[in-house]
């Protein structure tokens, strides 16, 4: 599957964007992040 996320507003001020997920009964966890410069970081599980 592919998820998309479109940003609007003060776009110039955005630094890092990312994805988090929350399963039923679980806390929110980081999935992946990407910086303005393109550096990425992923959860070990993905």
ModelCIF file with pLDDT and N, C-alpha, C, O atoms, coordinates in Angstrom:
data_MODEL
#
_entry.id   MODEL 
#
_entity.id                         1 
_entity.type                       polymer 
_entity.pdbx_number_of_molecules   1 
#
_entity_poly.entity_id                      1 
_entity_poly.type                           'polypeptide(L)' 
_entity_poly.nstd_linkage                   no 
_entity_poly.nstd_monomer                   no 
_entity_poly.pdbx_seq_one_letter_code       
;(UNK)(UNK)(UNK)(UNK)(UNK)(UNK)(UNK)(UNK)(UNK)(UNK)(UNK)(UNK)(UNK)(UNK)(UNK)(UNK)
(UNK)(UNK)(UNK)(UNK)(UNK)(UNK)(UNK)(UNK)(UNK)(UNK)(UNK)(UNK)(UNK)(UNK)(UNK)(UNK)
(UNK)(UNK)(UNK)(UNK)(UNK)(UNK)(UNK)(UNK)(UNK)(UNK)(UNK)(UNK)(UNK)(UNK)
;
_entity_poly.pdbx_seq_one_letter_code_can   XXXXXXXXXXXXXXXXXXXXXXXXXXXXXXXXXXXXXXXXXXXXXX 
_entity_poly.pdbx_strand_id                 A 
#
loop_
_entity_poly_seq.entity_id 
_entity_poly_seq.num 
_entity_poly_seq.mon_id 
_entity_poly_seq.hetero 
1 1  UNK n 
1 2  UNK n 
1 3  UNK n 
1 4  UNK n 
1 5  UNK n 
1 6  UNK n 
1 7  UNK n 
1 8  UNK n 
1 9  UNK n 
1 10 UNK n 
1 11 UNK n 
1 12 UNK n 
1 13 UNK n 
1 14 UNK n 
1 15 UNK n 
1 16 UNK n 
1 17 UNK n 
1 18 UNK n 
1 19 UNK n 
1 20 UNK n 
1 21 UNK n 
1 22 UNK n 
1 23 UNK n 
1 24 UNK n 
1 25 UNK n 
1 26 UNK n 
1 27 UNK n 
1 28 UNK n 
1 29 UNK n 
1 30 UNK n 
1 31 UNK n 
1 32 UNK n 
1 33 UNK n 
1 34 UNK n 
1 35 UNK n 
1 36 UNK n 
1 37 UNK n 
1 38 UNK n 
1 39 UNK n 
1 40 UNK n 
1 41 UNK n 
1 42 UNK n 
1 43 UNK n 
1 44 UNK n 
1 45 UNK n 
1 46 UNK n 
#
_struct_asym.id          A 
_struct_asym.entity_id   1 
#
loop_
_ma_qa_metric.id 
_ma_qa_metric.mode 
_ma_qa_metric.name 
_ma_qa_metric.software_group_id 
_ma_qa_metric.type 
1 global pLDDT . pLDDT 
2 local  pLDDT . pLDDT 
#
_ma_qa_metric_global.metric_id      1 
_ma_qa_metric_global.metric_value   94.91 
_ma_qa_metric_global.model_id       1 
_ma_qa_metric_global.ordinal_id     1 
#
loop_
_ma_qa_metric_local.label_asym_id 
_ma_qa_metric_local.label_comp_id 
_ma_qa_metric_local.label_seq_id 
_ma_qa_metric_local.metric_id 
_ma_qa_metric_local.metric_value 
_ma_qa_metric_local.model_id 
_ma_qa_metric_local.ordinal_id 
A UNK 1  2 98.00 1 1  
A UNK 2  2 98.00 1 2  
A UNK 3  2 98.00 1 3  
A UNK 4  2 98.00 1 4  
A UNK 5  2 97.00 1 5  
A UNK 6  2 97.00 1 6  
A UNK 7  2 96.00 1 7  
A UNK 8  2 95.00 1 8  
A UNK 9  2 93.00 1 9  
A UNK 10 2 88.00 1 10 
A UNK 11 2 86.00 1 11 
A UNK 12 2 85.00 1 12 
A UNK 13 2 88.00 1 13 
A UNK 14 2 91.00 1 14 
A UNK 15 2 92.00 1 15 
A UNK 16 2 94.00 1 16 
A UNK 17 2 95.00 1 17 
A UNK 18 2 96.00 1 18 
A UNK 19 2 98.00 1 19 
A UNK 20 2 98.00 1 20 
A UNK 21 2 98.00 1 21 
A UNK 22 2 97.00 1 22 
A UNK 23 2 96.00 1 23 
A UNK 24 2 89.00 1 24 
A UNK 25 2 92.00 1 25 
A UNK 26 2 94.00 1 26 
A UNK 27 2 95.00 1 27 
A UNK 28 2 96.00 1 28 
A UNK 29 2 97.00 1 29 
A UNK 30 2 97.00 1 30 
A UNK 31 2 98.00 1 31 
A UNK 32 2 98.00 1 32 
A UNK 33 2 97.00 1 33 
A UNK 34 2 97.00 1 34 
A UNK 35 2 93.00 1 35 
A UNK 36 2 89.00 1 36 
A UNK 37 2 89.00 1 37 
A UNK 38 2 92.00 1 38 
A UNK 39 2 96.00 1 39 
A UNK 40 2 98.00 1 40 
A UNK 41 2 98.00 1 41 
A UNK 42 2 98.00 1 42 
A UNK 43 2 98.00 1 43 
A UNK 44 2 98.00 1 44 
A UNK 45 2 97.00 1 45 
A UNK 46 2 98.00 1 46 
#
loop_
_atom_site.group_PDB 
_atom_site.id 
_atom_site.type_symbol 
_atom_site.label_atom_id 
_atom_site.label_alt_id 
_atom_site.label_comp_id 
_atom_site.label_asym_id 
_atom_site.label_entity_id 
_atom_site.label_seq_id 
_atom_site.pdbx_PDB_ins_code 
_atom_site.Cartn_x 
_atom_site.Cartn_y 
_atom_site.Cartn_z 
_atom_site.occupancy 
_atom_site.B_iso_or_equiv 
_atom_site.pdbx_formal_charge 
_atom_site.auth_seq_id 
_atom_site.auth_comp_id 
_atom_site.auth_asym_id 
_atom_site.auth_atom_id 
_atom_site.pdbx_PDB_model_num 
ATOM 1   N N  . UNK A 1 1  ? 0.853  -1.182 0.000  1.00 98.00 ? 1  UNK A N  1 
ATOM 2   C CA . UNK A 1 1  ? 0.000  0.000  0.000  1.00 98.00 ? 1  UNK A CA 1 
ATOM 3   C C  . UNK A 1 1  ? 0.888  1.230  0.000  1.00 98.00 ? 1  UNK A C  1 
ATOM 4   O O  . UNK A 1 1  ? 2.033  1.180  0.450  1.00 98.00 ? 1  UNK A O  1 
ATOM 5   N N  . UNK A 1 2  ? 0.355  2.340  -0.508 1.00 98.00 ? 2  UNK A N  1 
ATOM 6   C CA . UNK A 1 2  ? 1.067  3.603  -0.440 1.00 98.00 ? 2  UNK A CA 1 
ATOM 7   C C  . UNK A 1 2  ? 0.170  4.669  0.166  1.00 98.00 ? 2  UNK A C  1 
ATOM 8   O O  . UNK A 1 2  ? -0.960 4.874  -0.278 1.00 98.00 ? 2  UNK A O  1 
ATOM 9   N N  . UNK A 1 3  ? 0.683  5.345  1.185  1.00 98.00 ? 3  UNK A N  1 
ATOM 10  C CA . UNK A 1 3  ? -0.004 6.451  1.816  1.00 98.00 ? 3  UNK A CA 1 
ATOM 11  C C  . UNK A 1 3  ? 0.568  7.770  1.313  1.00 98.00 ? 3  UNK A C  1 
ATOM 12  O O  . UNK A 1 3  ? 1.765  7.874  1.044  1.00 98.00 ? 3  UNK A O  1 
ATOM 13  N N  . UNK A 1 4  ? -0.290 8.774  1.187  1.00 98.00 ? 4  UNK A N  1 
ATOM 14  C CA . UNK A 1 4  ? 0.127  10.104 0.772  1.00 98.00 ? 4  UNK A CA 1 
ATOM 15  C C  . UNK A 1 4  ? -0.331 11.118 1.803  1.00 98.00 ? 4  UNK A C  1 
ATOM 16  O O  . UNK A 1 4  ? -1.358 10.931 2.456  1.00 98.00 ? 4  UNK A O  1 
ATOM 17  N N  . UNK A 1 5  ? 0.431  12.192 1.949  1.00 97.00 ? 5  UNK A N  1 
ATOM 18  C CA . UNK A 1 5  ? 0.103  13.250 2.892  1.00 97.00 ? 5  UNK A CA 1 
ATOM 19  C C  . UNK A 1 5  ? 0.473  14.581 2.261  1.00 97.00 ? 5  UNK A C  1 
ATOM 20  O O  . UNK A 1 5  ? 1.652  14.871 2.056  1.00 97.00 ? 5  UNK A O  1 
ATOM 21  N N  . UNK A 1 6  ? -0.533 15.391 1.952  1.00 97.00 ? 6  UNK A N  1 
ATOM 22  C CA . UNK A 1 6  ? -0.320 16.687 1.326  1.00 97.00 ? 6  UNK A CA 1 
ATOM 23  C C  . UNK A 1 6  ? -0.379 17.796 2.366  1.00 97.00 ? 6  UNK A C  1 
ATOM 24  O O  . UNK A 1 6  ? -1.328 17.868 3.147  1.00 97.00 ? 6  UNK A O  1 
ATOM 25  N N  . UNK A 1 7  ? 0.625  18.656 2.379  1.00 96.00 ? 7  UNK A N  1 
ATOM 26  C CA . UNK A 1 7  ? 0.708  19.746 3.333  1.00 96.00 ? 7  UNK A CA 1 
ATOM 27  C C  . UNK A 1 7  ? 0.318  21.065 2.679  1.00 96.00 ? 7  UNK A C  1 
ATOM 28  O O  . UNK A 1 7  ? 0.585  21.289 1.498  1.00 96.00 ? 7  UNK A O  1 
ATOM 29  N N  . UNK A 1 8  ? -0.312 21.928 3.455  1.00 95.00 ? 8  UNK A N  1 
ATOM 30  C CA . UNK A 1 8  ? -0.649 23.265 2.992  1.00 95.00 ? 8  UNK A CA 1 
ATOM 31  C C  . UNK A 1 8  ? -0.494 24.235 4.153  1.00 95.00 ? 8  UNK A C  1 
ATOM 32  O O  . UNK A 1 8  ? -0.404 23.821 5.309  1.00 95.00 ? 8  UNK A O  1 
ATOM 33  N N  . UNK A 1 9  ? -0.463 25.525 3.843  1.00 93.00 ? 9  UNK A N  1 
ATOM 34  C CA . UNK A 1 9  ? -0.260 26.537 4.856  1.00 93.00 ? 9  UNK A CA 1 
ATOM 35  C C  . UNK A 1 9  ? 1.160  27.068 4.814  1.00 93.00 ? 9  UNK A C  1 
ATOM 36  O O  . UNK A 1 9  ? 1.679  27.402 3.749  1.00 93.00 ? 9  UNK A O  1 
ATOM 37  N N  . UNK A 1 10 ? 1.783  27.142 5.977  1.00 88.00 ? 10 UNK A N  1 
ATOM 38  C CA . UNK A 1 10 ? 3.143  27.678 6.086  1.00 88.00 ? 10 UNK A CA 1 
ATOM 39  C C  . UNK A 1 10 ? 4.157  26.597 5.753  1.00 88.00 ? 10 UNK A C  1 
ATOM 40  O O  . UNK A 1 10 ? 4.879  26.110 6.623  1.00 88.00 ? 10 UNK A O  1 
ATOM 41  N N  . UNK A 1 11 ? 4.197  26.236 4.489  1.00 86.00 ? 11 UNK A N  1 
ATOM 42  C CA . UNK A 1 11 ? 5.060  25.147 4.034  1.00 86.00 ? 11 UNK A CA 1 
ATOM 43  C C  . UNK A 1 11 ? 6.537  25.454 4.271  1.00 86.00 ? 11 UNK A C  1 
ATOM 44  O O  . UNK A 1 11 ? 7.324  24.556 4.570  1.00 86.00 ? 11 UNK A O  1 
ATOM 45  N N  . UNK A 1 12 ? 6.904  26.718 4.138  1.00 85.00 ? 12 UNK A N  1 
ATOM 46  C CA . UNK A 1 12 ? 8.310  27.102 4.278  1.00 85.00 ? 12 UNK A CA 1 
ATOM 47  C C  . UNK A 1 12 ? 8.870  26.782 5.649  1.00 85.00 ? 12 UNK A C  1 
ATOM 48  O O  . UNK A 1 12 ? 10.081 26.624 5.805  1.00 85.00 ? 12 UNK A O  1 
ATOM 49  N N  . UNK A 1 13 ? 8.005  26.685 6.642  1.00 88.00 ? 13 UNK A N  1 
ATOM 50  C CA . UNK A 1 13 ? 8.448  26.478 8.015  1.00 88.00 ? 13 UNK A CA 1 
ATOM 51  C C  . UNK A 1 13 ? 8.594  25.002 8.384  1.00 88.00 ? 13 UNK A C  1 
ATOM 52  O O  . UNK A 1 13 ? 9.086  24.695 9.470  1.00 88.00 ? 13 UNK A O  1 
ATOM 53  N N  . UNK A 1 14 ? 8.182  24.086 7.516  1.00 91.00 ? 14 UNK A N  1 
ATOM 54  C CA . UNK A 1 14 ? 8.235  22.663 7.821  1.00 91.00 ? 14 UNK A CA 1 
ATOM 55  C C  . UNK A 1 14 ? 9.661  22.149 7.716  1.00 91.00 ? 14 UNK A C  1 
ATOM 56  O O  . UNK A 1 14 ? 10.357 22.410 6.735  1.00 91.00 ? 14 UNK A O  1 
ATOM 57  N N  . UNK A 1 15 ? 10.080 21.425 8.723  1.00 92.00 ? 15 UNK A N  1 
ATOM 58  C CA . UNK A 1 15 ? 11.385 20.779 8.699  1.00 92.00 ? 15 UNK A CA 1 
ATOM 59  C C  . UNK A 1 15 ? 11.206 19.281 8.444  1.00 92.00 ? 15 UNK A C  1 
ATOM 60  O O  . UNK A 1 15 ? 11.246 18.831 7.299  1.00 92.00 ? 15 UNK A O  1 
ATOM 61  N N  . UNK A 1 16 ? 11.010 18.524 9.505  1.00 94.00 ? 16 UNK A N  1 
ATOM 62  C CA . UNK A 1 16 ? 10.849 17.085 9.383  1.00 94.00 ? 16 UNK A CA 1 
ATOM 63  C C  . UNK A 1 16 ? 9.383  16.712 9.164  1.00 94.00 ? 16 UNK A C  1 
ATOM 64  O O  . UNK A 1 16 ? 8.491  17.280 9.795  1.00 94.00 ? 16 UNK A O  1 
ATOM 65  N N  . UNK A 1 17 ? 9.143  15.765 8.275  1.00 95.00 ? 17 UNK A N  1 
ATOM 66  C CA . UNK A 1 17 ? 7.835  15.156 8.123  1.00 95.00 ? 17 UNK A CA 1 
ATOM 67  C C  . UNK A 1 17 ? 7.976  13.663 8.382  1.00 95.00 ? 17 UNK A C  1 
ATOM 68  O O  . UNK A 1 17 ? 9.051  13.089 8.210  1.00 95.00 ? 17 UNK A O  1 
ATOM 69  N N  . UNK A 1 18 ? 6.881  13.046 8.793  1.00 96.00 ? 18 UNK A N  1 
ATOM 70  C CA . UNK A 1 18 ? 6.991  11.636 9.118  1.00 96.00 ? 18 UNK A CA 1 
ATOM 71  C C  . UNK A 1 18 ? 5.661  10.931 9.198  1.00 96.00 ? 18 UNK A C  1 
ATOM 72  O O  . UNK A 1 18 ? 4.601  11.506 8.954  1.00 96.00 ? 18 UNK A O  1 
ATOM 73  N N  . UNK A 1 19 ? 5.755  9.666  9.547  1.00 98.00 ? 19 UNK A N  1 
ATOM 74  C CA . UNK A 1 19 ? 4.587  8.818  9.710  1.00 98.00 ? 19 UNK A CA 1 
ATOM 75  C C  . UNK A 1 19 ? 4.669  8.104  11.052 1.00 98.00 ? 19 UNK A C  1 
ATOM 76  O O  . UNK A 1 19 ? 5.715  7.573  11.423 1.00 98.00 ? 19 UNK A O  1 
ATOM 77  N N  . UNK A 1 20 ? 3.562  8.098  11.767 1.00 98.00 ? 20 UNK A N  1 
ATOM 78  C CA . UNK A 1 20 ? 3.406  7.365  13.009 1.00 98.00 ? 20 UNK A CA 1 
ATOM 79  C C  . UNK A 1 20 ? 2.209  6.440  12.865 1.00 98.00 ? 20 UNK A C  1 
ATOM 80  O O  . UNK A 1 20 ? 1.359  6.648  11.999 1.00 98.00 ? 20 UNK A O  1 
ATOM 81  N N  . UNK A 1 21 ? 2.140  5.421  13.707 1.00 98.00 ? 21 UNK A N  1 
ATOM 82  C CA . UNK A 1 21 ? 0.988  4.532  13.667 1.00 98.00 ? 21 UNK A CA 1 
ATOM 83  C C  . UNK A 1 21 ? 0.573  4.150  15.077 1.00 98.00 ? 21 UNK A C  1 
ATOM 84  O O  . UNK A 1 21 ? 1.375  4.173  16.011 1.00 98.00 ? 21 UNK A O  1 
ATOM 85  N N  . UNK A 1 22 ? -0.695 3.800  15.206 1.00 97.00 ? 22 UNK A N  1 
ATOM 86  C CA . UNK A 1 22 ? -1.250 3.401  16.482 1.00 97.00 ? 22 UNK A CA 1 
ATOM 87  C C  . UNK A 1 22 ? -2.203 2.237  16.268 1.00 97.00 ? 22 UNK A C  1 
ATOM 88  O O  . UNK A 1 22 ? -3.242 2.380  15.625 1.00 97.00 ? 22 UNK A O  1 
ATOM 89  N N  . UNK A 1 23 ? -1.841 1.093  16.808 1.00 96.00 ? 23 UNK A N  1 
ATOM 90  C CA . UNK A 1 23 ? -2.691 -0.084 16.751 1.00 96.00 ? 23 UNK A CA 1 
ATOM 91  C C  . UNK A 1 23 ? -3.648 -0.074 17.937 1.00 96.00 ? 23 UNK A C  1 
ATOM 92  O O  . UNK A 1 23 ? -3.361 0.563  18.951 1.00 96.00 ? 23 UNK A O  1 
ATOM 93  N N  . UNK A 1 24 ? -4.781 -0.768 17.830 1.00 89.00 ? 24 UNK A N  1 
ATOM 94  C CA . UNK A 1 24 ? -5.737 -0.803 18.941 1.00 89.00 ? 24 UNK A CA 1 
ATOM 95  C C  . UNK A 1 24 ? -5.087 -1.271 20.239 1.00 89.00 ? 24 UNK A C  1 
ATOM 96  O O  . UNK A 1 24 ? -4.449 -2.323 20.283 1.00 89.00 ? 24 UNK A O  1 
ATOM 97  N N  . UNK A 1 25 ? -5.256 -0.482 21.285 1.00 92.00 ? 25 UNK A N  1 
ATOM 98  C CA . UNK A 1 25 ? -4.699 -0.817 22.579 1.00 92.00 ? 25 UNK A CA 1 
ATOM 99  C C  . UNK A 1 25 ? -3.238 -0.472 22.750 1.00 92.00 ? 25 UNK A C  1 
ATOM 100 O O  . UNK A 1 25 ? -2.688 -0.658 23.835 1.00 92.00 ? 25 UNK A O  1 
ATOM 101 N N  . UNK A 1 26 ? -2.589 0.028  21.704 1.00 94.00 ? 26 UNK A N  1 
ATOM 102 C CA . UNK A 1 26 ? -1.175 0.367  21.763 1.00 94.00 ? 26 UNK A CA 1 
ATOM 103 C C  . UNK A 1 26 ? -0.965 1.878  21.738 1.00 94.00 ? 26 UNK A C  1 
ATOM 104 O O  . UNK A 1 26 ? -1.864 2.635  21.373 1.00 94.00 ? 26 UNK A O  1 
ATOM 105 N N  . UNK A 1 27 ? 0.223  2.301  22.128 1.00 95.00 ? 27 UNK A N  1 
ATOM 106 C CA . UNK A 1 27 ? 0.574  3.706  22.038 1.00 95.00 ? 27 UNK A CA 1 
ATOM 107 C C  . UNK A 1 27 ? 1.037  4.036  20.627 1.00 95.00 ? 27 UNK A C  1 
ATOM 108 O O  . UNK A 1 27 ? 1.412  3.147  19.863 1.00 95.00 ? 27 UNK A O  1 
ATOM 109 N N  . UNK A 1 28 ? 1.008  5.311  20.289 1.00 96.00 ? 28 UNK A N  1 
ATOM 110 C CA . UNK A 1 28 ? 1.489  5.758  19.002 1.00 96.00 ? 28 UNK A CA 1 
ATOM 111 C C  . UNK A 1 28 ? 2.997  5.518  18.894 1.00 96.00 ? 28 UNK A C  1 
ATOM 112 O O  . UNK A 1 28 ? 3.738  5.791  19.838 1.00 96.00 ? 28 UNK A O  1 
ATOM 113 N N  . UNK A 1 29 ? 3.447  5.013  17.759 1.00 97.00 ? 29 UNK A N  1 
ATOM 114 C CA . UNK A 1 29 ? 4.859  4.750  17.562 1.00 97.00 ? 29 UNK A CA 1 
ATOM 115 C C  . UNK A 1 29 ? 5.327  5.333  16.233 1.00 97.00 ? 29 UNK A C  1 
ATOM 116 O O  . UNK A 1 29 ? 4.569  5.415  15.267 1.00 97.00 ? 29 UNK A O  1 
ATOM 117 N N  . UNK A 1 30 ? 6.579  5.729  16.211 1.00 97.00 ? 30 UNK A N  1 
ATOM 118 C CA . UNK A 1 30 ? 7.171  6.264  14.991 1.00 97.00 ? 30 UNK A CA 1 
ATOM 119 C C  . UNK A 1 30 ? 7.379  5.153  13.982 1.00 97.00 ? 30 UNK A C  1 
ATOM 120 O O  . UNK A 1 30 ? 7.820  4.057  14.329 1.00 97.00 ? 30 UNK A O  1 
ATOM 121 N N  . UNK A 1 31 ? 7.059  5.441  12.730 1.00 98.00 ? 31 UNK A N  1 
ATOM 122 C CA . UNK A 1 31 ? 7.287  4.513  11.629 1.00 98.00 ? 31 UNK A CA 1 
ATOM 123 C C  . UNK A 1 31 ? 8.482  4.963  10.799 1.00 98.00 ? 31 UNK A C  1 
ATOM 124 O O  . UNK A 1 31 ? 9.421  4.194  10.588 1.00 98.00 ? 31 UNK A O  1 
ATOM 125 N N  . UNK A 1 32 ? 8.448  6.209  10.327 1.00 98.00 ? 32 UNK A N  1 
ATOM 126 C CA . UNK A 1 32 ? 9.515  6.740  9.491  1.00 98.00 ? 32 UNK A CA 1 
ATOM 127 C C  . UNK A 1 32 ? 9.457  8.256  9.504  1.00 98.00 ? 32 UNK A C  1 
ATOM 128 O O  . UNK A 1 32 ? 8.383  8.842  9.640  1.00 98.00 ? 32 UNK A O  1 
ATOM 129 N N  . UNK A 1 33 ? 10.613 8.892  9.361  1.00 97.00 ? 33 UNK A N  1 
ATOM 130 C CA . UNK A 1 33 ? 10.691 10.346 9.268  1.00 97.00 ? 33 UNK A CA 1 
ATOM 131 C C  . UNK A 1 33 ? 11.648 10.720 8.154  1.00 97.00 ? 33 UNK A C  1 
ATOM 132 O O  . UNK A 1 33 ? 12.542 9.950  7.803  1.00 97.00 ? 33 UNK A O  1 
ATOM 133 N N  . UNK A 1 34 ? 11.454 11.915 7.596  1.00 97.00 ? 34 UNK A N  1 
ATOM 134 C CA . UNK A 1 34 ? 12.338 12.436 6.563  1.00 97.00 ? 34 UNK A CA 1 
ATOM 135 C C  . UNK A 1 34 ? 12.542 13.919 6.818  1.00 97.00 ? 34 UNK A C  1 
ATOM 136 O O  . UNK A 1 34 ? 11.580 14.654 7.044  1.00 97.00 ? 34 UNK A O  1 
ATOM 137 N N  . UNK A 1 35 ? 13.783 14.358 6.783  1.00 93.00 ? 35 UNK A N  1 
ATOM 138 C CA . UNK A 1 35 ? 14.114 15.747 7.047  1.00 93.00 ? 35 UNK A CA 1 
ATOM 139 C C  . UNK A 1 35 ? 13.970 16.584 5.784  1.00 93.00 ? 35 UNK A C  1 
ATOM 140 O O  . UNK A 1 35 ? 13.763 16.051 4.694  1.00 93.00 ? 35 UNK A O  1 
ATOM 141 N N  . UNK A 1 36 ? 14.082 17.907 5.941  1.00 89.00 ? 36 UNK A N  1 
ATOM 142 C CA . UNK A 1 36 ? 14.031 18.815 4.803  1.00 89.00 ? 36 UNK A CA 1 
ATOM 143 C C  . UNK A 1 36 ? 15.125 18.480 3.797  1.00 89.00 ? 36 UNK A C  1 
ATOM 144 O O  . UNK A 1 36 ? 14.927 18.616 2.590  1.00 89.00 ? 36 UNK A O  1 
ATOM 145 N N  . UNK A 1 37 ? 16.276 18.044 4.293  1.00 89.00 ? 37 UNK A N  1 
ATOM 146 C CA . UNK A 1 37 ? 17.385 17.702 3.424  1.00 89.00 ? 37 UNK A CA 1 
ATOM 147 C C  . UNK A 1 37 ? 17.334 16.305 2.848  1.00 89.00 ? 37 UNK A C  1 
ATOM 148 O O  . UNK A 1 37 ? 18.192 15.943 2.042  1.00 89.00 ? 37 UNK A O  1 
ATOM 149 N N  . UNK A 1 38 ? 16.347 15.506 3.241  1.00 92.00 ? 38 UNK A N  1 
ATOM 150 C CA . UNK A 1 38 ? 16.179 14.183 2.679  1.00 92.00 ? 38 UNK A CA 1 
ATOM 151 C C  . UNK A 1 38 ? 16.687 13.036 3.523  1.00 92.00 ? 38 UNK A C  1 
ATOM 152 O O  . UNK A 1 38 ? 16.550 11.878 3.128  1.00 92.00 ? 38 UNK A O  1 
ATOM 153 N N  . UNK A 1 39 ? 17.274 13.325 4.679  1.00 96.00 ? 39 UNK A N  1 
ATOM 154 C CA . UNK A 1 39 ? 17.722 12.255 5.559  1.00 96.00 ? 39 UNK A CA 1 
ATOM 155 C C  . UNK A 1 39 ? 16.521 11.512 6.123  1.00 96.00 ? 39 UNK A C  1 
ATOM 156 O O  . UNK A 1 39 ? 15.520 12.130 6.486  1.00 96.00 ? 39 UNK A O  1 
ATOM 157 N N  . UNK A 1 40 ? 16.618 10.190 6.197  1.00 98.00 ? 40 UNK A N  1 
ATOM 158 C CA . UNK A 1 40 ? 15.499 9.365  6.647  1.00 98.00 ? 40 UNK A CA 1 
ATOM 159 C C  . UNK A 1 40 ? 15.877 8.527  7.848  1.00 98.00 ? 40 UNK A C  1 
ATOM 160 O O  . UNK A 1 40 ? 17.050 8.244  8.089  1.00 98.00 ? 40 UNK A O  1 
ATOM 161 N N  . UNK A 1 41 ? 14.862 8.136  8.594  1.00 98.00 ? 41 UNK A N  1 
ATOM 162 C CA . UNK A 1 41 ? 15.031 7.251  9.726  1.00 98.00 ? 41 UNK A CA 1 
ATOM 163 C C  . UNK A 1 41 ? 13.797 6.370  9.827  1.00 98.00 ? 41 UNK A C  1 
ATOM 164 O O  . UNK A 1 41 ? 12.674 6.843  9.656  1.00 98.00 ? 41 UNK A O  1 
ATOM 165 N N  . UNK A 1 42 ? 14.007 5.080  10.107 1.00 98.00 ? 42 UNK A N  1 
ATOM 166 C CA . UNK A 1 42 ? 12.916 4.120  10.148 1.00 98.00 ? 42 UNK A CA 1 
ATOM 167 C C  . UNK A 1 42 ? 12.918 3.354  11.460 1.00 98.00 ? 42 UNK A C  1 
ATOM 168 O O  . UNK A 1 42 ? 13.964 3.127  12.069 1.00 98.00 ? 42 UNK A O  1 
ATOM 169 N N  . UNK A 1 43 ? 11.727 2.962  11.880 1.00 98.00 ? 43 UNK A N  1 
ATOM 170 C CA . UNK A 1 43 ? 11.624 2.024  12.982 1.00 98.00 ? 43 UNK A CA 1 
ATOM 171 C C  . UNK A 1 43 ? 12.217 0.691  12.554 1.00 98.00 ? 43 UNK A C  1 
ATOM 172 O O  . UNK A 1 43 ? 12.107 0.304  11.391 1.00 98.00 ? 43 UNK A O  1 
ATOM 173 N N  . UNK A 1 44 ? 12.846 -0.013 13.491 1.00 98.00 ? 44 UNK A N  1 
ATOM 174 C CA . UNK A 1 44 ? 13.473 -1.289 13.160 1.00 98.00 ? 44 UNK A CA 1 
ATOM 175 C C  . UNK A 1 44 ? 12.472 -2.281 12.570 1.00 98.00 ? 44 UNK A C  1 
ATOM 176 O O  . UNK A 1 44 ? 12.837 -3.102 11.728 1.00 98.00 ? 44 UNK A O  1 
ATOM 177 N N  . UNK A 1 45 ? 11.233 -2.212 13.001 1.00 97.00 ? 45 UNK A N  1 
ATOM 178 C CA . UNK A 1 45 ? 10.231 -3.169 12.564 1.00 97.00 ? 45 UNK A CA 1 
ATOM 179 C C  . UNK A 1 45 ? 9.837  -3.019 11.101 1.00 97.00 ? 45 UNK A C  1 
ATOM 180 O O  . UNK A 1 45 ? 9.249  -3.936 10.528 1.00 97.00 ? 45 UNK A O  1 
ATOM 181 N N  . UNK A 1 46 ? 10.148 -1.879 10.483 1.00 98.00 ? 46 UNK A N  1 
ATOM 182 C CA . UNK A 1 46 ? 9.741  -1.647 9.096  1.00 98.00 ? 46 UNK A CA 1 
ATOM 183 C C  . UNK A 1 46 ? 10.921 -1.472 8.157  1.00 98.00 ? 46 UNK A C  1 
ATOM 184 O O  . UNK A 1 46 ? 10.731 -1.269 6.958  1.00 98.00 ? 46 UNK A O  1 
#
